[in-house]
Structure formats: C-alpha cells, structure tokens
C-alpha atoms as a PDB file:
ATOM      1  CA  UNK A   1      12.553 -29.077   5.198  1.00  0.00           C
ATOM      2  CA  UNK A   2      11.907 -26.060   2.988  1.00  0.00           C
ATOM      3  CA  UNK A   3      14.289 -27.213   0.284  1.00  0.00           C
ATOM      4  CA  UNK A   4      14.848 -25.920  -2.322  1.00  0.00           C
ATOM      5  CA  UNK A   5      13.477 -22.583  -1.148  1.00  0.00           C
ATOM      6  CA  UNK A   6      14.083 -19.240  -2.792  1.00  0.00           C
ATOM      7  CA  UNK A   7      13.276 -17.170   0.294  1.00  0.00           C
ATOM      8  CA  UNK A   8      13.158 -17.651   4.040  1.00  0.00           C
ATOM      9  CA  UNK A   9      12.087 -14.061   4.723  1.00  0.00           C
ATOM     10  CA  UNK A  10       8.730 -14.679   6.395  1.00  0.00           C
ATOM     11  CA  UNK A  11       7.570 -11.058   6.437  1.00  0.00           C
ATOM     12  CA  UNK A  12       8.273 -10.730   2.730  1.00  0.00           C
ATOM     13  CA  UNK A  13       6.512 -14.018   1.944  1.00  0.00           C
ATOM     14  CA  UNK A  14       3.461 -12.958   3.918  1.00  0.00           C
ATOM     15  CA  UNK A  15       3.177  -9.386   2.671  1.00  0.00           C
ATOM     16  CA  UNK A  16       4.091 -10.061  -0.962  1.00  0.00           C
ATOM     17  CA  UNK A  17       1.592 -12.869  -1.439  1.00  0.00           C
ATOM     18  CA  UNK A  18      -0.986 -12.040  -4.089  1.00  0.00           C
ATOM     19  CA  UNK A  19      -3.982 -13.921  -5.448  1.00  0.00           C
ATOM     20  CA  UNK A  20      -2.740 -14.717  -8.943  1.00  0.00           C
ATOM     21  CA  UNK A  21      -5.196 -15.606 -11.689  1.00  0.00           C
ATOM     22  CA  UNK A  22      -2.874 -15.767 -14.702  1.00  0.00           C
ATOM     23  CA  UNK A  23       0.286 -17.917 -14.778  1.00  0.00           C
ATOM     24  CA  UNK A  24       3.260 -18.610 -17.018  1.00  0.00           C
ATOM     25  CA  UNK A  25       1.962 -21.620 -18.932  1.00  0.00           C
ATOM     26  CA  UNK A  26       5.386 -23.099 -19.641  1.00  0.00           C
ATOM     27  CA  UNK A  27       6.314 -23.327 -15.942  1.00  0.00           C
ATOM     28  CA  UNK A  28       5.884 -26.816 -14.500  1.00  0.00           C
ATOM     29  CA  UNK A  29       6.404 -28.091 -10.974  1.00  0.00           C
ATOM     30  CA  UNK A  30       7.928 -31.541 -10.587  1.00  0.00           C
ATOM     31  CA  UNK A  31       6.092 -34.214  -8.655  1.00  0.00           C
ATOM     32  CA  UNK A  32       9.031 -34.373  -6.247  1.00  0.00           C
ATOM     33  CA  UNK A  33       8.877 -30.653  -5.421  1.00  0.00           C
ATOM     34  CA  UNK A  34       5.091 -30.741  -5.124  1.00  0.00           C
ATOM     35  CA  UNK A  35       5.384 -33.608  -2.634  1.00  0.00           C
ATOM     36  CA  UNK A  36       7.974 -31.646  -0.668  1.00  0.00           C
ATOM     37  CA  UNK A  37       5.731 -28.586  -0.473  1.00  0.00           C
ATOM     38  CA  UNK A  38       2.737 -30.643   0.640  1.00  0.00           C
ATOM     39  CA  UNK A  39       4.869 -32.343   3.288  1.00  0.00           C
ATOM     40  CA  UNK A  40       6.168 -29.009   4.552  1.00  0.00           C
ATOM     41  CA  UNK A  41       2.658 -27.560   4.715  1.00  0.00           C
ATOM     42  CA  UNK A  42       1.583 -30.597   6.733  1.00  0.00           C
ATOM     43  CA  UNK A  43       3.397 -29.183   9.744  1.00  0.00           C
ATOM     44  CA  UNK A  44       0.218 -27.117  10.242  1.00  0.00           C
ATOM     45  CA  UNK A  45      -1.676 -27.753  13.491  1.00  0.00           C
ATOM     46  CA  UNK A  46      -4.806 -29.900  13.645  1.00  0.00           C
ATOM     47  CA  UNK A  47      -7.277 -31.142  16.219  1.00  0.00           C
ATOM     48  CA  UNK A  48      -5.672 -34.022  18.156  1.00  0.00           C
ATOM     49  CA  UNK A  49      -2.990 -34.040  15.433  1.00  0.00           C
ATOM     50  CA  UNK A  50      -5.358 -36.016  13.203  1.00  0.00           C
ATOM     51  CA  UNK A  51      -4.243 -34.140  10.064  1.00  0.00           C
ATOM     52  CA  UNK A  52      -7.524 -34.435   8.119  1.00  0.00           C
ATOM     53  CA  UNK A  53      -6.286 -32.551   5.049  1.00  0.00           C
ATOM     54  CA  UNK A  54      -6.101 -34.375   1.722  1.00  0.00           C
ATOM     55  CA  UNK A  55      -4.986 -32.993  -1.655  1.00  0.00           C
ATOM     56  CA  UNK A  56      -5.930 -33.848  -5.231  1.00  0.00           C
ATOM     57  CA  UNK A  57      -3.118 -32.543  -7.460  1.00  0.00           C
ATOM     58  CA  UNK A  58      -4.649 -31.804 -10.862  1.00  0.00           C
ATOM     59  CA  UNK A  59      -1.801 -31.143 -13.297  1.00  0.00           C
ATOM     60  CA  UNK A  60      -2.387 -33.261 -16.407  1.00  0.00           C
ATOM     61  CA  UNK A  61      -4.306 -31.969 -19.403  1.00  0.00           C
ATOM     62  CA  UNK A  62      -6.853 -34.727 -18.838  1.00  0.00           C
ATOM     63  CA  UNK A  63      -7.319 -33.753 -15.214  1.00  0.00           C
ATOM     64  CA  UNK A  64      -7.640 -30.063 -16.019  1.00  0.00           C
ATOM     65  CA  UNK A  65     -10.172 -30.797 -18.762  1.00  0.00           C
ATOM     66  CA  UNK A  66     -12.234 -32.700 -16.216  1.00  0.00           C
ATOM     67  CA  UNK A  67     -11.963 -29.875 -13.685  1.00  0.00           C
ATOM     68  CA  UNK A  68     -12.603 -26.993 -16.099  1.00  0.00           C
ATOM     69  CA  UNK A  69     -16.432 -27.162 -16.228  1.00  0.00           C
ATOM     70  CA  UNK A  70     -16.484 -27.336 -12.420  1.00  0.00           C
ATOM     71  CA  UNK A  71     -14.588 -24.029 -11.997  1.00  0.00           C
ATOM     72  CA  UNK A  72     -16.491 -21.913 -14.503  1.00  0.00           C
ATOM     73  CA  UNK A  73     -15.503 -18.588 -12.898  1.00  0.00           C
ATOM     74  CA  UNK A  74     -11.876 -19.608 -12.440  1.00  0.00           C
ATOM     75  CA  UNK A  75     -10.953 -21.098 -15.807  1.00  0.00           C
ATOM     76  CA  UNK A  76      -7.911 -18.827 -16.309  1.00  0.00           C
ATOM     77  CA  UNK A  77      -6.264 -20.312 -13.248  1.00  0.00           C
ATOM     78  CA  UNK A  78      -7.148 -23.820 -14.376  1.00  0.00           C
ATOM     79  CA  UNK A  79      -5.836 -23.276 -17.913  1.00  0.00           C
ATOM     80  CA  UNK A  80      -2.538 -21.520 -17.084  1.00  0.00           C
ATOM     81  CA  UNK A  81      -1.389 -22.787 -13.664  1.00  0.00           C
ATOM     82  CA  UNK A  82       1.141 -25.537 -13.122  1.00  0.00           C
ATOM     83  CA  UNK A  83      -1.490 -27.357 -11.069  1.00  0.00           C
ATOM     84  CA  UNK A  84      -4.823 -27.001  -9.354  1.00  0.00           C
ATOM     85  CA  UNK A  85      -4.747 -28.323  -5.795  1.00  0.00           C
ATOM     86  CA  UNK A  86      -8.126 -29.467  -4.539  1.00  0.00           C
ATOM     87  CA  UNK A  87      -7.984 -29.301  -0.750  1.00  0.00           C
ATOM     88  CA  UNK A  88     -10.263 -31.804   0.958  1.00  0.00           C
ATOM     89  CA  UNK A  89     -11.207 -32.597   4.533  1.00  0.00           C
ATOM     90  CA  UNK A  90     -11.294 -36.261   5.542  1.00  0.00           C
ATOM     91  CA  UNK A  91     -14.225 -37.057   7.838  1.00  0.00           C
ATOM     92  CA  UNK A  92     -12.645 -40.416   8.659  1.00  0.00           C
ATOM     93  CA  UNK A  93      -9.240 -39.123   9.686  1.00  0.00           C
ATOM     94  CA  UNK A  94      -9.377 -41.280  12.821  1.00  0.00           C
ATOM     95  CA  UNK A  95      -8.343 -44.189  10.584  1.00  0.00           C
ATOM     96  CA  UNK A  96      -4.787 -42.809  10.677  1.00  0.00           C
ATOM     97  CA  UNK A  97      -4.651 -42.054  14.399  1.00  0.00           C
ATOM     98  CA  UNK A  98      -2.795 -45.211  15.403  1.00  0.00           C
ATOM     99  CA  UNK A  99      -0.252 -44.782  12.612  1.00  0.00           C
ATOM    100  CA  UNK A 100       0.386 -41.153  13.595  1.00  0.00           C
ATOM    101  CA  UNK A 101       0.726 -41.824  17.307  1.00  0.00           C
ATOM    102  CA  UNK A 102       2.733 -45.031  16.874  1.00  0.00           C
ATOM    103  CA  UNK A 103       5.210 -43.129  14.710  1.00  0.00           C
ATOM    104  CA  UNK A 104       5.477 -40.425  17.372  1.00  0.00           C
ATOM    105  CA  UNK A 105       6.410 -43.109  19.916  1.00  0.00           C
ATOM    106  CA  UNK A 106       8.911 -44.746  17.552  1.00  0.00           C
ATOM    107  CA  UNK A 107      10.611 -41.393  16.951  1.00  0.00           C
ATOM    108  CA  UNK A 108      10.820 -40.634  20.657  1.00  0.00           C
ATOM    109  CA  UNK A 109       8.388 -37.711  20.445  1.00  0.00           C
ATOM    110  CA  UNK A 110       5.749 -39.191  22.746  1.00  0.00           C
ATOM    111  CA  UNK A 111       5.794 -41.639  25.676  1.00  0.00           C
ATOM    112  CA  UNK A 112       3.928 -44.904  25.113  1.00  0.00           C
ATOM    113  CA  UNK A 113       1.522 -44.254  28.004  1.00  0.00           C
ATOM    114  CA  UNK A 114       0.497 -40.870  26.565  1.00  0.00           C
ATOM    115  CA  UNK A 115      -0.005 -42.476  23.156  1.00  0.00           C
ATOM    116  CA  UNK A 116      -2.228 -45.192  24.630  1.00  0.00           C
ATOM    117  CA  UNK A 117      -4.322 -42.700  26.593  1.00  0.00           C
ATOM    118  CA  UNK A 118      -4.871 -40.308  23.693  1.00  0.00           C
ATOM    119  CA  UNK A 119      -5.545 -42.971  21.076  1.00  0.00           C
ATOM    120  CA  UNK A 120      -8.090 -44.630  23.365  1.00  0.00           C
ATOM    121  CA  UNK A 121      -9.849 -41.305  23.939  1.00  0.00           C
ATOM    122  CA  UNK A 122      -9.923 -40.394  20.261  1.00  0.00           C
ATOM    123  CA  UNK A 123     -11.146 -43.785  19.038  1.00  0.00           C
ATOM    124  CA  UNK A 124     -13.817 -43.994  21.729  1.00  0.00           C
ATOM    125  CA  UNK A 125     -15.203 -40.551  20.861  1.00  0.00           C
ATOM    126  CA  UNK A 126     -14.485 -39.428  17.315  1.00  0.00           C
ATOM    127  CA  UNK A 127     -16.230 -42.165  15.275  1.00  0.00           C
ATOM    128  CA  UNK A 128     -19.488 -41.371  17.095  1.00  0.00           C
ATOM    129  CA  UNK A 129     -19.684 -37.597  16.793  1.00  0.00           C
ATOM    130  CA  UNK A 130     -22.188 -36.168  14.256  1.00  0.00           C
ATOM    131  CA  UNK A 131     -21.014 -35.970  10.666  1.00  0.00           C
ATOM    132  CA  UNK A 132     -21.732 -32.235  10.602  1.00  0.00           C
ATOM    133  CA  UNK A 133     -19.216 -31.700  13.412  1.00  0.00           C
ATOM    134  CA  UNK A 134     -16.649 -33.912  11.667  1.00  0.00           C
ATOM    135  CA  UNK A 135     -17.035 -31.765   8.548  1.00  0.00           C
ATOM    136  CA  UNK A 136     -16.585 -28.567  10.548  1.00  0.00           C
ATOM    137  CA  UNK A 137     -13.426 -29.875  12.232  1.00  0.00           C
ATOM    138  CA  UNK A 138     -12.005 -31.128   8.933  1.00  0.00           C
ATOM    139  CA  UNK A 139     -12.663 -27.817   7.178  1.00  0.00           C
ATOM    140  CA  UNK A 140     -11.022 -25.769   9.915  1.00  0.00           C
ATOM    141  CA  UNK A 141      -7.920 -27.953   9.988  1.00  0.00           C
ATOM    142  CA  UNK A 142      -7.674 -28.232   6.194  1.00  0.00           C
ATOM    143  CA  UNK A 143      -7.912 -24.434   5.949  1.00  0.00           C
ATOM    144  CA  UNK A 144      -4.937 -24.077   8.296  1.00  0.00           C
ATOM    145  CA  UNK A 145      -3.034 -26.473   6.032  1.00  0.00           C
ATOM    146  CA  UNK A 146      -4.070 -24.549   2.912  1.00  0.00           C
ATOM    147  CA  UNK A 147      -2.847 -21.225   4.280  1.00  0.00           C
ATOM    148  CA  UNK A 148       0.453 -22.794   5.245  1.00  0.00           C
ATOM    149  CA  UNK A 149       0.725 -24.333   1.781  1.00  0.00           C
ATOM    150  CA  UNK A 150       0.326 -20.899   0.185  1.00  0.00           C
ATOM    151  CA  UNK A 151       3.203 -19.558   2.274  1.00  0.00           C
ATOM    152  CA  UNK A 152       5.334 -22.625   1.556  1.00  0.00           C
ATOM    153  CA  UNK A 153       4.674 -22.100  -2.160  1.00  0.00           C
ATOM    154  CA  UNK A 154       5.926 -18.504  -1.834  1.00  0.00           C
ATOM    155  CA  UNK A 155       9.080 -19.769  -0.138  1.00  0.00           C
ATOM    156  CA  UNK A 156       9.658 -22.034  -3.145  1.00  0.00           C
ATOM    157  CA  UNK A 157       9.148 -19.121  -5.532  1.00  0.00           C
ATOM    158  CA  UNK A 158       5.597 -19.928  -6.660  1.00  0.00           C
ATOM    159  CA  UNK A 159       2.330 -18.041  -6.549  1.00  0.00           C
ATOM    160  CA  UNK A 160      -1.165 -19.201  -5.616  1.00  0.00           C
ATOM    161  CA  UNK A 161      -4.822 -18.268  -5.615  1.00  0.00           C
ATOM    162  CA  UNK A 162      -7.339 -19.716  -3.146  1.00  0.00           C
ATOM    163  CA  UNK A 163     -10.750 -20.338  -4.704  1.00  0.00           C
ATOM    164  CA  UNK A 164     -14.150 -21.108  -3.258  1.00  0.00           C
ATOM    165  CA  UNK A 165     -16.043 -20.740  -6.548  1.00  0.00           C
ATOM    166  CA  UNK A 166     -16.437 -24.286  -7.835  1.00  0.00           C
ATOM    167  CA  UNK A 167     -19.023 -27.058  -7.991  1.00  0.00           C
ATOM    168  CA  UNK A 168     -18.667 -28.468  -4.504  1.00  0.00           C
ATOM    169  CA  UNK A 169     -21.288 -31.130  -5.010  1.00  0.00           C
ATOM    170  CA  UNK A 170     -19.432 -32.621  -7.984  1.00  0.00           C
ATOM    171  CA  UNK A 171     -15.693 -32.107  -7.604  1.00  0.00           C
ATOM    172  CA  UNK A 172     -14.928 -35.020  -5.264  1.00  0.00           C
ATOM    173  CA  UNK A 173     -16.803 -37.673  -7.221  1.00  0.00           C
ATOM    174  CA  UNK A 174     -15.442 -36.266 -10.504  1.00  0.00           C
ATOM    175  CA  UNK A 175     -12.016 -37.468  -9.388  1.00  0.00           C
ATOM    176  CA  UNK A 176     -13.349 -40.846  -8.254  1.00  0.00           C
ATOM    177  CA  UNK A 177     -13.182 -40.318  -4.503  1.00  0.00           C
ATOM    178  CA  UNK A 178     -15.873 -40.999  -1.910  1.00  0.00           C
ATOM    179  CA  UNK A 179     -17.915 -37.800  -1.564  1.00  0.00           C
ATOM    180  CA  UNK A 180     -19.412 -39.044   1.698  1.00  0.00           C
ATOM    181  CA  UNK A 181     -15.976 -39.306   3.250  1.00  0.00           C
ATOM    182  CA  UNK A 182     -14.132 -36.368   1.651  1.00  0.00           C
ATOM    183  CA  UNK A 183     -15.494 -32.812   1.727  1.00  0.00           C
ATOM    184  CA  UNK A 184     -14.170 -30.038  -0.536  1.00  0.00           C
ATOM    185  CA  UNK A 185     -12.651 -27.081   1.312  1.00  0.00           C
ATOM    186  CA  UNK A 186     -11.056 -24.927  -1.396  1.00  0.00           C
ATOM    187  CA  UNK A 187      -8.982 -25.090  -4.554  1.00  0.00           C
ATOM    188  CA  UNK A 188      -5.524 -23.539  -4.810  1.00  0.00           C
ATOM    189  CA  UNK A 189      -4.010 -22.736  -8.182  1.00  0.00           C
ATOM    190  CA  UNK A 190      -0.213 -22.774  -8.145  1.00  0.00           C
ATOM    191  CA  UNK A 191       2.456 -21.688 -10.600  1.00  0.00           C
ATOM    192  CA  UNK A 192       4.565 -18.692 -11.637  1.00  0.00           C
ATOM    193  CA  UNK A 193       2.670 -15.428 -11.916  1.00  0.00           C
ATOM    194  CA  UNK A 194       2.370 -13.933 -15.399  1.00  0.00           C
ATOM    195  CA  UNK A 195       1.075 -10.691 -13.942  1.00  0.00           C
ATOM    196  CA  UNK A 196       1.892  -9.164 -10.578  1.00  0.00           C
ATOM    197  CA  UNK A 197      -1.601  -9.284  -9.152  1.00  0.00           C
ATOM    198  CA  UNK A 198      -3.066  -6.448  -7.150  1.00  0.00           C
ATOM    199  CA  UNK A 199      -2.055  -5.297  -3.708  1.00  0.00           C
ATOM    200  CA  UNK A 200      -5.150  -5.262  -1.526  1.00  0.00           C
ATOM    201  CA  UNK A 201      -6.257  -3.320   1.539  1.00  0.00           C
ATOM    202  CA  UNK A 202      -6.897  -4.806   4.964  1.00  0.00           C
ATOM    203  CA  UNK A 203      -9.042  -3.398   7.730  1.00  0.00           C
ATOM    204  CA  UNK A 204      -7.026  -1.936  10.623  1.00  0.00           C
ATOM    205  CA  UNK A 205      -6.770  -4.068  13.745  1.00  0.00           C
ATOM    206  CA  UNK A 206      -8.957  -1.716  15.782  1.00  0.00           C
ATOM    207  CA  UNK A 207     -11.902  -2.526  13.517  1.00  0.00           C
ATOM    208  CA  UNK A 208     -11.602  -6.283  13.841  1.00  0.00           C
ATOM    209  CA  UNK A 209     -10.586  -6.686  17.485  1.00  0.00           C
ATOM    210  CA  UNK A 210     -12.768  -6.679  20.591  1.00  0.00           C
ATOM    211  CA  UNK A 211     -11.001  -5.968  23.905  1.00  0.00           C
ATOM    212  CA  UNK A 212     -12.651  -7.065  27.126  1.00  0.00           C
END
C-alpha cells in the first residue's frame, strides 16, 4: 500500500493540497501507478461496505477530445493534466455484495455467519429502495473515495483539482456506460502542477460548529 509514495506526512499532504488548473503537459502517469492509487483510495468507508465508486480514467488524446466539450469551463485541466478521472456512483452496487463479503470470509476478516446475515439483509432491502435514495448514497460514498484519492495522489507526488462544472447529463453516455445505472459525482484532474495554485482561506471552526 502507498507505494511508491513521495510523502507519508499526512499534515503536509492535507495542508499543502491545492486545486491545480494548469499541469506539466509532459508528465504522464503509468496505468500501473494509476491502478495502485485507485486501489489505495478504495480503502475509504462506504455504506455496508458496498463501495459504489467507479472511475473512468480519461488519459488518451481521443478520450480527452471527447471530454473537452463537456467541461467547457475546465478545458485547461483537460488539456494539460495527465488524466481526467470521472468519479461515478453505481446505483447497482449490490451486484458486488456477495463477492465483497465472500472475500472477507476467505481472508479471515469476517465470520461466515456474519457474512450470511449481512448479505441477506442487504439483498432483501437495497434492490427495492427508491432510485433517488440509491443515488444519494452512491454520491456520498463516492465523494469520500474522491477526497481520499486526492490525498493519495498527493502522497504519490501528484496534484489534483475536483470539478463539478461539466455536462452531467451527457458525460456517462459519452463514454458508453449506462447512464441509468451510473451517476456522475465529480471529475478530478490529476498530474504535476505547472503553477503552485493559490492558498485559500477556511472559516474558523466556531463559525461552522454547533454545540448542544
């Protein structure tokens, strides 16, 4: 896990993260390292451990040309980054529940009786809940994954920018996936920063916290 990282200083990774919009165009990220980073980010928590996050890695010139008109306010990131990562939520994540829980049993991380009880509960309930609730759950969990992926990228020496400004009604089908099953959550650009980005200000905790 977290190999090959350039930093394991969590405070530095968290506080030095910037939203980068311009990248070194000659910097590429190998498929192997991208897979490692996605796997590491997948340690994020999710409802019932259903892991509904999915990622479209757009890194070819053909893929970026297809994406460009769908990110009209974020074309610099698209044109200069090593990749654009389209983070999706899977509204049919229950299809992987048995695989996930069976693997947990095989690896000695869960007793068989707990697996059977939880899988039965999930499969008896989840397929029947309203689609709107499935979308909400998937977006929350996929957002946790996306934030973790940004920090993992920093640990590997890369920079990112989370984006919400894109054509949500077109991006899934543009890459030939089922837009009834997969819902777009955000897009992350990733690469090596060409500029440093801007340090931003955060509200103090007393303005965002309610004590009762």
